[in-house]
Amino acid sequence: MRALIQRVTKASVSVDQKTIGSIDVGLCVFVGVTHDDDEVAAKKLASKVWNLRVFEDEQQRMNCSVGEIGGEILIVSQFTLYGDTSKGRRPSFVQAATPDIAEPLIGKVCESLEALGARVATGQFRAHMEVKIDNDGPVTLSIDV
C-alpha cells in the first residue's frame, strides 16, 4: 500500500458538487493499493498514519500524532499513486489493484483507524471526486507499507 499524507487545517471531498466527507485539523490521506496488498498491510498503514508524528508540540517540533492533537483523518482512494511514468507520456496503472480488490482494503484501513480512536471521513469509490485541501506547513509525506 502507498499513501500520500498531507497535514491539513481542513479538507473535504465532494461528488457531483455535494460534500460527502470533511475534516478540520488533521490528515488528508490518499491511499493506493497494489496487487499483493492484504489486510495486514491495511492495518500496518492505519497504525503508521495514526502514530506518525507530524504535528507540532509546544516547542514547534513535530512530536505529536494526529491522535495526540485530537485531529481527524480524511481517507481518499487514489489508484494513480501506482501510476508508472517511466516510459512514454501516458502513465501506466498496471500496478494499481482493481477496484474490487482495493475497495475492501481501503475500508480495512478506515476500520483499523477507527478502532485506534480516529474520526475518519472518506471519499467515494469509483466516483469522480473533487478534493479541497488546506495544506498546513506544507507538510506532505509519501509512505509505502
C-alpha atoms as a PDB file:
ATOM      1  CA  MET A   1       0.000   0.000   0.000  1.00  0.00           C
ATOM      2  CA  ARG A   2       1.078   3.502  -0.705  1.00  0.00           C
ATOM      3  CA  ALA A   3      -0.119   6.687   0.962  1.00  0.00           C
ATOM      4  CA  LEU A   4       0.379  10.368   0.320  1.00  0.00           C
ATOM      5  CA  ILE A   5      -0.247  12.133   3.617  1.00  0.00           C
ATOM      6  CA  GLN A   6      -0.872  15.845   3.969  1.00  0.00           C
ATOM      7  CA  ARG A   7      -1.197  17.720   7.247  1.00  0.00           C
ATOM      8  CA  VAL A   8      -4.221  19.974   6.870  1.00  0.00           C
ATOM      9  CA  THR A   9      -6.142  22.691   8.656  1.00  0.00           C
ATOM     10  CA  LYS A  10      -9.218  21.396   6.817  1.00  0.00           C
ATOM     11  CA  ALA A  11     -10.080  19.139   3.904  1.00  0.00           C
ATOM     12  CA  SER A  12     -13.177  17.947   2.110  1.00  0.00           C
ATOM     13  CA  VAL A  13     -14.214  15.680  -0.729  1.00  0.00           C
ATOM     14  CA  SER A  14     -17.219  16.221  -2.988  1.00  0.00           C
ATOM     15  CA  VAL A  15     -19.003  14.126  -5.609  1.00  0.00           C
ATOM     16  CA  ASP A  16     -21.425  15.809  -8.009  1.00  0.00           C
ATOM     17  CA  GLN A  17     -20.951  19.095  -6.118  1.00  0.00           C
ATOM     18  CA  LYS A  18     -22.120  17.512  -2.841  1.00  0.00           C
ATOM     19  CA  THR A  19     -19.711  17.248   0.095  1.00  0.00           C
ATOM     20  CA  ILE A  20     -19.529  13.625   1.184  1.00  0.00           C
ATOM     21  CA  GLY A  21     -16.644  13.872   3.661  1.00  0.00           C
ATOM     22  CA  SER A  22     -14.891  16.666   5.510  1.00  0.00           C
ATOM     23  CA  ILE A  23     -12.486  17.195   8.375  1.00  0.00           C
ATOM     24  CA  ASP A  24     -10.970  20.051  10.286  1.00  0.00           C
ATOM     25  CA  VAL A  25      -7.390  19.877  11.596  1.00  0.00           C
ATOM     26  CA  GLY A  26      -5.818  16.531  10.821  1.00  0.00           C
ATOM     27  CA  LEU A  27      -4.536  14.455   7.931  1.00  0.00           C
ATOM     28  CA  CYS A  28      -5.729  14.024   4.372  1.00  0.00           C
ATOM     29  CA  VAL A  29      -4.503  10.602   3.268  1.00  0.00           C
ATOM     30  CA  PHE A  30      -4.587   9.466  -0.349  1.00  0.00           C
ATOM     31  CA  VAL A  31      -4.333   5.662  -0.419  1.00  0.00           C
ATOM     32  CA  GLY A  32      -3.269   3.454  -3.309  1.00  0.00           C
ATOM     33  CA  VAL A  33      -3.490  -0.325  -3.344  1.00  0.00           C
ATOM     34  CA  THR A  34      -1.376  -2.706  -5.417  1.00  0.00           C
ATOM     35  CA  HIS A  35      -1.924  -6.369  -6.281  1.00  0.00           C
ATOM     36  CA  ASP A  36      -0.137  -8.039  -3.379  1.00  0.00           C
ATOM     37  CA  ASP A  37      -1.611  -5.880  -0.608  1.00  0.00           C
ATOM     38  CA  ASP A  38      -3.686  -7.526   2.090  1.00  0.00           C
ATOM     39  CA  GLU A  39      -5.366  -6.833   5.438  1.00  0.00           C
ATOM     40  CA  VAL A  40      -2.009  -6.960   7.213  1.00  0.00           C
ATOM     41  CA  ALA A  41      -0.777  -4.087   5.029  1.00  0.00           C
ATOM     42  CA  ALA A  42      -4.015  -2.175   5.635  1.00  0.00           C
ATOM     43  CA  LYS A  43      -3.645  -2.464   9.419  1.00  0.00           C
ATOM     44  CA  LYS A  44       0.033  -1.517   9.224  1.00  0.00           C
ATOM     45  CA  LEU A  45      -0.800   1.575   7.158  1.00  0.00           C
ATOM     46  CA  ALA A  46      -3.512   2.596   9.617  1.00  0.00           C
ATOM     47  CA  SER A  47      -1.096   2.282  12.533  1.00  0.00           C
ATOM     48  CA  LYS A  48       1.557   4.267  10.679  1.00  0.00           C
ATOM     49  CA  VAL A  49      -0.884   7.079   9.857  1.00  0.00           C
ATOM     50  CA  TRP A  50      -2.306   7.191  13.387  1.00  0.00           C
ATOM     51  CA  ASN A  51       1.119   7.286  15.066  1.00  0.00           C
ATOM     52  CA  LEU A  52       3.001   9.482  12.573  1.00  0.00           C
ATOM     53  CA  ARG A  53       4.383  12.469  14.480  1.00  0.00           C
ATOM     54  CA  VAL A  54       3.812  15.397  12.119  1.00  0.00           C
ATOM     55  CA  PHE A  55       2.069  17.896  14.402  1.00  0.00           C
ATOM     56  CA  GLU A  56       3.969  20.459  16.418  1.00  0.00           C
ATOM     57  CA  ASP A  57       4.353  20.415  20.177  1.00  0.00           C
ATOM     58  CA  GLU A  58       4.846  23.458  22.430  1.00  0.00           C
ATOM     59  CA  GLN A  59       8.431  23.872  21.133  1.00  0.00           C
ATOM     60  CA  GLN A  60       7.262  23.856  17.472  1.00  0.00           C
ATOM     61  CA  ARG A  61       8.818  20.424  16.896  1.00  0.00           C
ATOM     62  CA  MET A  62       6.966  17.716  15.010  1.00  0.00           C
ATOM     63  CA  ASN A  63       6.448  15.462  18.022  1.00  0.00           C
ATOM     64  CA  CYS A  64       2.695  14.837  18.087  1.00  0.00           C
ATOM     65  CA  SER A  65       0.497  12.394  16.217  1.00  0.00           C
ATOM     66  CA  VAL A  66      -2.968  13.102  14.855  1.00  0.00           C
ATOM     67  CA  GLY A  67      -4.468  11.227  17.791  1.00  0.00           C
ATOM     68  CA  GLU A  68      -2.489  13.224  20.336  1.00  0.00           C
ATOM     69  CA  ILE A  69      -3.817  16.519  18.979  1.00  0.00           C
ATOM     70  CA  GLY A  70      -7.390  15.254  18.599  1.00  0.00           C
ATOM     71  CA  GLY A  71      -7.221  15.576  14.827  1.00  0.00           C
ATOM     72  CA  GLU A  72      -9.325  13.920  12.159  1.00  0.00           C
ATOM     73  CA  ILE A  73      -8.454  11.862   9.072  1.00  0.00           C
ATOM     74  CA  LEU A  74      -9.834  12.048   5.544  1.00  0.00           C
ATOM     75  CA  ILE A  75      -9.129   8.890   3.525  1.00  0.00           C
ATOM     76  CA  VAL A  76      -9.369   9.162  -0.272  1.00  0.00           C
ATOM     77  CA  SER A  77      -8.760   6.231  -2.605  1.00  0.00           C
ATOM     78  CA  GLN A  78      -6.121   7.111  -5.196  1.00  0.00           C
ATOM     79  CA  PHE A  79      -5.167   4.450  -7.724  1.00  0.00           C
ATOM     80  CA  THR A  80      -2.946   6.970  -9.533  1.00  0.00           C
ATOM     81  CA  LEU A  81      -0.377   6.644  -6.726  1.00  0.00           C
ATOM     82  CA  TYR A  82       0.663   3.489  -8.567  1.00  0.00           C
ATOM     83  CA  GLY A  83       0.965   5.242 -11.912  1.00  0.00           C
ATOM     84  CA  ASP A  84       4.203   4.433 -13.735  1.00  0.00           C
ATOM     85  CA  THR A  85       5.548   7.329 -15.792  1.00  0.00           C
ATOM     86  CA  SER A  86       8.925   5.799 -16.653  1.00  0.00           C
ATOM     87  CA  LYS A  87       8.017   5.200 -20.299  1.00  0.00           C
ATOM     88  CA  GLY A  88       6.198   7.429 -22.724  1.00  0.00           C
ATOM     89  CA  ARG A  89       3.869  10.263 -21.874  1.00  0.00           C
ATOM     90  CA  ARG A  90       0.842   8.360 -20.618  1.00  0.00           C
ATOM     91  CA  PRO A  91       1.008   6.799 -17.136  1.00  0.00           C
ATOM     92  CA  SER A  92       0.527   3.052 -16.852  1.00  0.00           C
ATOM     93  CA  PHE A  93      -1.678   1.890 -13.995  1.00  0.00           C
ATOM     94  CA  VAL A  94      -0.842  -1.810 -14.274  1.00  0.00           C
ATOM     95  CA  GLN A  95       0.492  -1.859 -10.710  1.00  0.00           C
ATOM     96  CA  ALA A  96      -2.764  -0.487  -9.245  1.00  0.00           C
ATOM     97  CA  ALA A  97      -5.162  -3.070  -7.851  1.00  0.00           C
ATOM     98  CA  THR A  98      -8.591  -3.366  -9.399  1.00  0.00           C
ATOM     99  CA  PRO A  99     -11.461  -1.679  -7.531  1.00  0.00           C
ATOM    100  CA  ASP A 100     -12.882  -4.985  -6.291  1.00  0.00           C
ATOM    101  CA  ILE A 101      -9.571  -5.669  -4.523  1.00  0.00           C
ATOM    102  CA  ALA A 102      -8.759  -2.110  -3.457  1.00  0.00           C
ATOM    103  CA  GLU A 103     -12.114  -1.052  -2.039  1.00  0.00           C
ATOM    104  CA  PRO A 104     -12.304  -3.581   0.828  1.00  0.00           C
ATOM    105  CA  LEU A 105      -8.658  -2.954   1.734  1.00  0.00           C
ATOM    106  CA  ILE A 106      -9.166   0.798   1.943  1.00  0.00           C
ATOM    107  CA  GLY A 107     -12.242   0.017   4.030  1.00  0.00           C
ATOM    108  CA  LYS A 108      -9.985  -2.029   6.312  1.00  0.00           C
ATOM    109  CA  VAL A 109      -7.638   0.972   6.676  1.00  0.00           C
ATOM    110  CA  CYS A 110     -10.609   3.115   7.768  1.00  0.00           C
ATOM    111  CA  GLU A 111     -11.919   0.414  10.113  1.00  0.00           C
ATOM    112  CA  SER A 112      -8.467  -0.009  11.682  1.00  0.00           C
ATOM    113  CA  LEU A 113      -8.089   3.752  12.173  1.00  0.00           C
ATOM    114  CA  GLU A 114     -11.488   3.936  13.844  1.00  0.00           C
ATOM    115  CA  ALA A 115     -10.503   1.053  16.140  1.00  0.00           C
ATOM    116  CA  LEU A 116      -7.468   3.112  17.170  1.00  0.00           C
ATOM    117  CA  GLY A 117      -9.748   6.033  18.054  1.00  0.00           C
ATOM    118  CA  ALA A 118      -9.734   8.118  14.869  1.00  0.00           C
ATOM    119  CA  ARG A 119     -12.634  10.086  13.478  1.00  0.00           C
ATOM    120  CA  VAL A 120     -12.486   9.129   9.805  1.00  0.00           C
ATOM    121  CA  ALA A 121     -14.185  10.707   6.798  1.00  0.00           C
ATOM    122  CA  THR A 122     -13.913   9.187   3.326  1.00  0.00           C
ATOM    123  CA  GLY A 123     -14.303   9.806  -0.341  1.00  0.00           C
ATOM    124  CA  GLN A 124     -16.409   7.618  -2.632  1.00  0.00           C
ATOM    125  CA  PHE A 125     -15.005   4.688  -4.535  1.00  0.00           C
ATOM    126  CA  ARG A 126     -15.419   4.682  -8.334  1.00  0.00           C
ATOM    127  CA  ALA A 127     -16.543   8.314  -8.380  1.00  0.00           C
ATOM    128  CA  HIS A 128     -15.026  11.456  -9.804  1.00  0.00           C
ATOM    129  CA  MET A 129     -14.097  13.363  -6.647  1.00  0.00           C
ATOM    130  CA  GLU A 130     -13.150  16.948  -6.027  1.00  0.00           C
ATOM    131  CA  VAL A 131     -10.813  17.212  -3.057  1.00  0.00           C
ATOM    132  CA  LYS A 132     -10.191  20.533  -1.334  1.00  0.00           C
ATOM    133  CA  ILE A 133      -7.186  20.709   0.942  1.00  0.00           C
ATOM    134  CA  ASP A 134      -5.776  23.482   3.089  1.00  0.00           C
ATOM    135  CA  ASN A 135      -2.283  22.039   3.477  1.00  0.00           C
ATOM    136  CA  ASP A 136      -0.692  23.088   6.783  1.00  0.00           C
ATOM    137  CA  GLY A 137       3.028  23.803   6.581  1.00  0.00           C
ATOM    138  CA  PRO A 138       3.021  22.495   3.923  1.00  0.00           C
ATOM    139  CA  VAL A 139       3.694  19.041   5.297  1.00  0.00           C
ATOM    140  CA  THR A 140       3.389  16.224   2.767  1.00  0.00           C
ATOM    141  CA  LEU A 141       4.820  12.718   3.161  1.00  0.00           C
ATOM    142  CA  SER A 142       4.772   9.617   0.994  1.00  0.00           C
ATOM    143  CA  ILE A 143       4.925   6.196   2.636  1.00  0.00           C
ATOM    144  CA  ASP A 144       4.868   2.622   1.448  1.00  0.00           C
ATOM    145  CA  VAL A 145       3.993  -0.348   3.668  1.00  0.00           C
END
